[in-house]
Amino acid sequence: TQFNNWADGQGITNMFSSMYTPMFHSADDSADVYFLDAWSDGAALGGGYTRFYSPSAARINAAYDAVAKCSSHAYFRGIMVIPPGESRNGGGPIQFQDCTLGENRTVSEAIDAIKAFGGGAGPKLGGFAVLLPFIGQPRKIDYDFKLVAIFDSYQTMGNAFDVMVKGNGGQQANSTVGRVMSCDTPRMYNQVIIRQMKES
């Protein structure tokens, strides 16, 4: 609430903000919480950070620092492949995987395969996005992009599990995305949306 009130006062309308807490994950994932912001474009990001580092944001930044300390801060280029359903305004389950392209395969081919799986061949999960590494990444990255599955609800997540385990979802995945890329074990988080980007 404090952040949204401050952002409203600054006229920031082209920013999306959300928080993630781990649900299904390994001991390798030791963080208590993750924050993710998205901007409509680079100019919006630059304007937003100008405000974040201004005296007007001192109280908000101090409030964040009092709650959580972040060990890293990285940026990705985000591509929304399939938008989530409109019923998902408040958040819900969201899944991340690190994916590697097959030999001589491209990101465009991967996106086409994700569309084929999520848009018809596979279970109706909700939305899919791709995150391409950009600024603030480790010196050595052992993947090409992150695949994000944005479930419309917890019930949808459970239904998708049934399709993947009991149905033919695994075969459908292998025949579409499996031809283009390989991904590591999924990690599931609960997403809480803090701020929605207003449509222009």
Protein backbone atom coordinates (compact mmCIF):
# COMPACT_ATOMS: atom_id res chain seq x y z
CA THR A 1 0.00 0.00 0.00
CA GLN A 2 2.78 2.43 0.86
CA PHE A 3 4.54 1.74 -2.41
CA ASN A 4 1.38 2.08 -4.50
CA ASN A 5 0.47 5.35 -2.82
CA TRP A 6 3.95 6.69 -3.51
CA ALA A 7 3.92 5.44 -7.13
CA ASP A 8 0.48 6.99 -7.71
CA GLY A 9 1.80 10.28 -6.40
CA GLN A 10 4.75 10.04 -8.80
CA GLY A 11 2.45 9.32 -11.75
CA ILE A 12 4.04 5.91 -12.41
CA THR A 13 1.55 3.98 -14.56
CA ASN A 14 3.76 1.82 -16.80
CA MET A 15 5.15 -0.54 -14.15
CA PHE A 16 4.14 -4.02 -12.98
CA SER A 17 5.33 -5.23 -9.57
CA SER A 18 4.94 -8.60 -7.84
CA MET A 19 6.31 -10.71 -5.00
CA TYR A 20 7.04 -14.47 -5.00
CA THR A 21 7.37 -16.93 -2.13
CA PRO A 22 8.65 -20.49 -2.76
CA MET A 23 6.12 -23.36 -2.73
CA PHE A 24 7.71 -26.41 -4.42
CA HIS A 25 11.49 -26.07 -4.55
CA SER A 26 14.76 -27.68 -3.51
CA ALA A 27 17.25 -26.66 -0.83
CA ASP A 28 19.20 -24.89 -3.58
CA ASP A 29 16.49 -22.24 -3.61
CA SER A 30 17.23 -20.66 -0.24
CA ALA A 31 15.62 -17.23 -0.69
CA ASP A 32 12.57 -16.39 1.41
CA VAL A 33 11.05 -14.03 -1.14
CA TYR A 34 11.63 -12.69 -4.65
CA PHE A 35 10.53 -9.39 -6.15
CA LEU A 36 9.87 -8.88 -9.86
CA ASP A 37 9.18 -5.58 -11.61
CA ALA A 38 8.32 -5.13 -15.27
CA TRP A 39 8.23 -1.96 -17.36
CA SER A 40 6.54 -1.13 -20.63
CA ASP A 41 9.89 -0.14 -22.21
CA GLY A 42 13.36 1.15 -21.41
CA ALA A 43 12.28 4.78 -21.24
CA ALA A 44 9.70 3.89 -18.58
CA LEU A 45 12.33 1.96 -16.62
CA GLY A 46 14.71 4.92 -16.75
CA GLY A 47 12.03 7.33 -15.58
CA GLY A 48 11.03 4.99 -12.78
CA TYR A 49 14.55 4.59 -11.48
CA THR A 50 15.06 8.34 -11.60
CA ARG A 51 12.20 8.55 -9.12
CA PHE A 52 13.40 5.54 -7.06
CA TYR A 53 16.73 7.25 -6.42
CA SER A 54 15.20 10.63 -5.66
CA PRO A 55 14.64 11.99 -2.10
CA SER A 56 10.90 11.35 -2.49
CA ALA A 57 11.52 7.58 -2.40
CA ALA A 58 13.76 7.55 0.68
CA ARG A 59 10.99 6.43 3.04
CA ILE A 60 9.83 3.66 0.69
CA ASN A 61 13.37 2.36 0.15
CA ALA A 62 14.00 2.35 3.90
CA ALA A 63 10.78 0.40 4.47
CA TYR A 64 11.85 -2.25 1.93
CA ASP A 65 15.33 -2.51 3.47
CA ALA A 66 13.81 -3.03 6.91
CA VAL A 67 11.81 -6.03 5.68
CA ALA A 68 14.18 -7.88 3.30
CA LYS A 69 17.74 -7.77 2.02
CA CYS A 70 18.29 -8.90 -1.56
CA SER A 71 21.59 -10.59 -2.44
CA SER A 72 21.31 -9.95 -6.19
CA HIS A 73 19.48 -7.74 -8.67
CA ALA A 74 19.19 -8.80 -12.31
CA TYR A 75 17.22 -7.78 -15.37
CA PHE A 76 15.73 -9.87 -18.14
CA ARG A 77 14.07 -9.12 -21.44
CA GLY A 78 10.55 -10.44 -21.00
CA ILE A 79 8.41 -11.84 -23.82
CA MET A 80 4.77 -12.67 -23.06
CA VAL A 81 4.13 -15.69 -25.27
CA ILE A 82 0.57 -16.45 -24.10
CA PRO A 83 -1.13 -13.94 -21.75
CA PRO A 84 -2.71 -15.37 -18.58
CA GLY A 85 -6.46 -15.30 -18.04
CA GLU A 86 -8.21 -12.15 -16.90
CA SER A 87 -9.25 -13.88 -13.66
CA ARG A 88 -5.66 -13.82 -12.44
CA ASN A 89 -5.46 -10.16 -11.37
CA GLY A 90 -4.43 -10.88 -7.76
CA GLY A 91 -1.74 -13.46 -8.47
CA GLY A 92 -1.52 -17.22 -7.88
CA PRO A 93 0.83 -20.11 -8.69
CA ILE A 94 3.68 -19.47 -11.09
CA GLN A 95 6.40 -21.84 -12.31
CA PHE A 96 9.97 -21.15 -13.46
CA GLN A 97 12.37 -23.38 -15.40
CA ASP A 98 15.83 -22.76 -16.86
CA CYS A 99 15.87 -23.90 -20.49
CA THR A 100 18.60 -24.64 -23.02
CA LEU A 101 18.08 -24.56 -26.76
CA GLY A 102 18.88 -27.59 -28.87
CA GLU A 103 21.74 -27.45 -31.33
CA ASN A 104 21.15 -24.81 -34.03
CA ARG A 105 17.75 -23.96 -32.51
CA THR A 106 16.65 -20.35 -31.95
CA VAL A 107 14.58 -18.48 -29.40
CA SER A 108 11.98 -17.81 -32.09
CA GLU A 109 11.59 -21.55 -32.65
CA ALA A 110 11.23 -22.08 -28.91
CA ILE A 111 8.50 -19.44 -28.72
CA ASP A 112 6.64 -21.10 -31.60
CA ALA A 113 6.87 -24.46 -29.79
CA ILE A 114 5.58 -22.93 -26.54
CA LYS A 115 2.65 -21.44 -28.43
CA ALA A 116 1.88 -24.83 -29.97
CA PHE A 117 1.94 -26.56 -26.58
CA GLY A 118 0.20 -23.89 -24.49
CA GLY A 119 -2.19 -22.75 -27.16
CA GLY A 120 -3.68 -26.07 -28.13
CA ALA A 121 -1.58 -29.19 -27.83
CA GLY A 122 -0.98 -29.04 -24.09
CA PRO A 123 -3.19 -28.62 -21.00
CA LYS A 124 -4.82 -25.22 -20.53
CA LEU A 125 -2.44 -23.82 -17.93
CA GLY A 126 -2.99 -20.10 -18.26
CA GLY A 127 -0.12 -18.08 -19.67
CA PHE A 128 3.50 -18.56 -20.72
CA ALA A 129 6.38 -16.09 -20.78
CA VAL A 130 10.06 -16.22 -21.69
CA LEU A 131 12.78 -14.31 -19.79
CA LEU A 132 16.04 -13.70 -21.69
CA PRO A 133 19.10 -12.93 -19.49
CA PHE A 134 20.23 -9.31 -19.65
CA ILE A 135 21.91 -7.15 -16.96
CA GLY A 136 23.27 -8.35 -13.61
CA GLN A 137 23.57 -12.04 -14.47
CA PRO A 138 26.31 -14.37 -13.15
CA ARG A 139 29.49 -14.43 -15.21
CA LYS A 140 28.67 -17.96 -16.31
CA ILE A 141 25.09 -18.81 -17.28
CA ASP A 142 24.25 -22.43 -18.03
CA TYR A 143 20.89 -21.80 -19.69
CA ASP A 144 19.51 -19.75 -22.58
CA PHE A 145 16.29 -18.43 -21.06
CA LYS A 146 13.75 -18.94 -18.29
CA LEU A 147 10.37 -20.43 -19.15
CA VAL A 148 7.54 -19.12 -16.97
CA ALA A 149 4.18 -20.89 -16.68
CA ILE A 150 1.53 -18.55 -15.23
CA PHE A 151 -1.32 -20.67 -13.92
CA ASP A 152 -4.76 -19.04 -13.86
CA SER A 153 -5.55 -20.57 -10.44
CA TYR A 154 -4.52 -23.31 -8.04
CA GLN A 155 -7.29 -25.49 -9.46
CA THR A 156 -5.91 -25.00 -12.95
CA MET A 157 -2.47 -25.94 -11.63
CA GLY A 158 -3.87 -29.16 -10.15
CA ASN A 159 -5.75 -29.99 -13.36
CA ALA A 160 -2.55 -29.46 -15.35
CA PHE A 161 -0.69 -31.81 -13.02
CA ASP A 162 -3.27 -34.52 -13.77
CA VAL A 163 -2.89 -34.03 -17.50
CA MET A 164 0.90 -34.18 -17.29
CA VAL A 165 0.99 -37.21 -14.97
CA LYS A 166 -2.12 -39.22 -15.89
CA GLY A 167 -2.85 -37.98 -19.38
CA ASN A 168 -0.75 -37.44 -22.48
CA GLY A 169 0.61 -34.02 -21.52
CA GLY A 170 4.15 -35.35 -21.32
CA GLN A 171 3.94 -36.75 -24.85
CA GLN A 172 2.52 -33.46 -26.10
CA ALA A 173 5.35 -31.56 -24.43
CA ASN A 174 7.97 -33.85 -25.98
CA SER A 175 6.46 -33.49 -29.45
CA THR A 176 6.38 -29.67 -29.29
CA VAL A 177 8.81 -27.97 -26.89
CA GLY A 178 10.93 -31.11 -26.43
CA ARG A 179 12.03 -30.96 -30.06
CA VAL A 180 13.49 -27.50 -29.60
CA MET A 181 14.77 -27.21 -26.03
CA SER A 182 15.37 -28.95 -22.72
CA CYS A 183 14.48 -27.53 -19.30
CA ASP A 184 15.45 -28.29 -15.72
CA THR A 185 13.14 -29.27 -12.85
CA PRO A 186 10.24 -26.81 -12.39
CA ARG A 187 10.18 -24.54 -9.35
CA MET A 188 6.78 -23.33 -8.12
CA TYR A 189 6.05 -20.06 -6.32
CA ASN A 190 3.05 -18.19 -5.00
CA GLN A 191 2.79 -14.83 -6.73
CA VAL A 192 1.21 -11.77 -5.12
CA ILE A 193 0.67 -8.88 -7.52
CA ILE A 194 1.58 -5.56 -5.92
CA ARG A 195 0.96 -3.21 -8.80
CA GLN A 196 -0.66 -3.67 -12.21
CA MET A 197 0.55 -1.84 -15.29
CA LYS A 198 -2.18 0.47 -16.55
CA GLU A 199 -3.12 0.10 -20.19
CA SER A 200 -2.29 3.07 -22.36
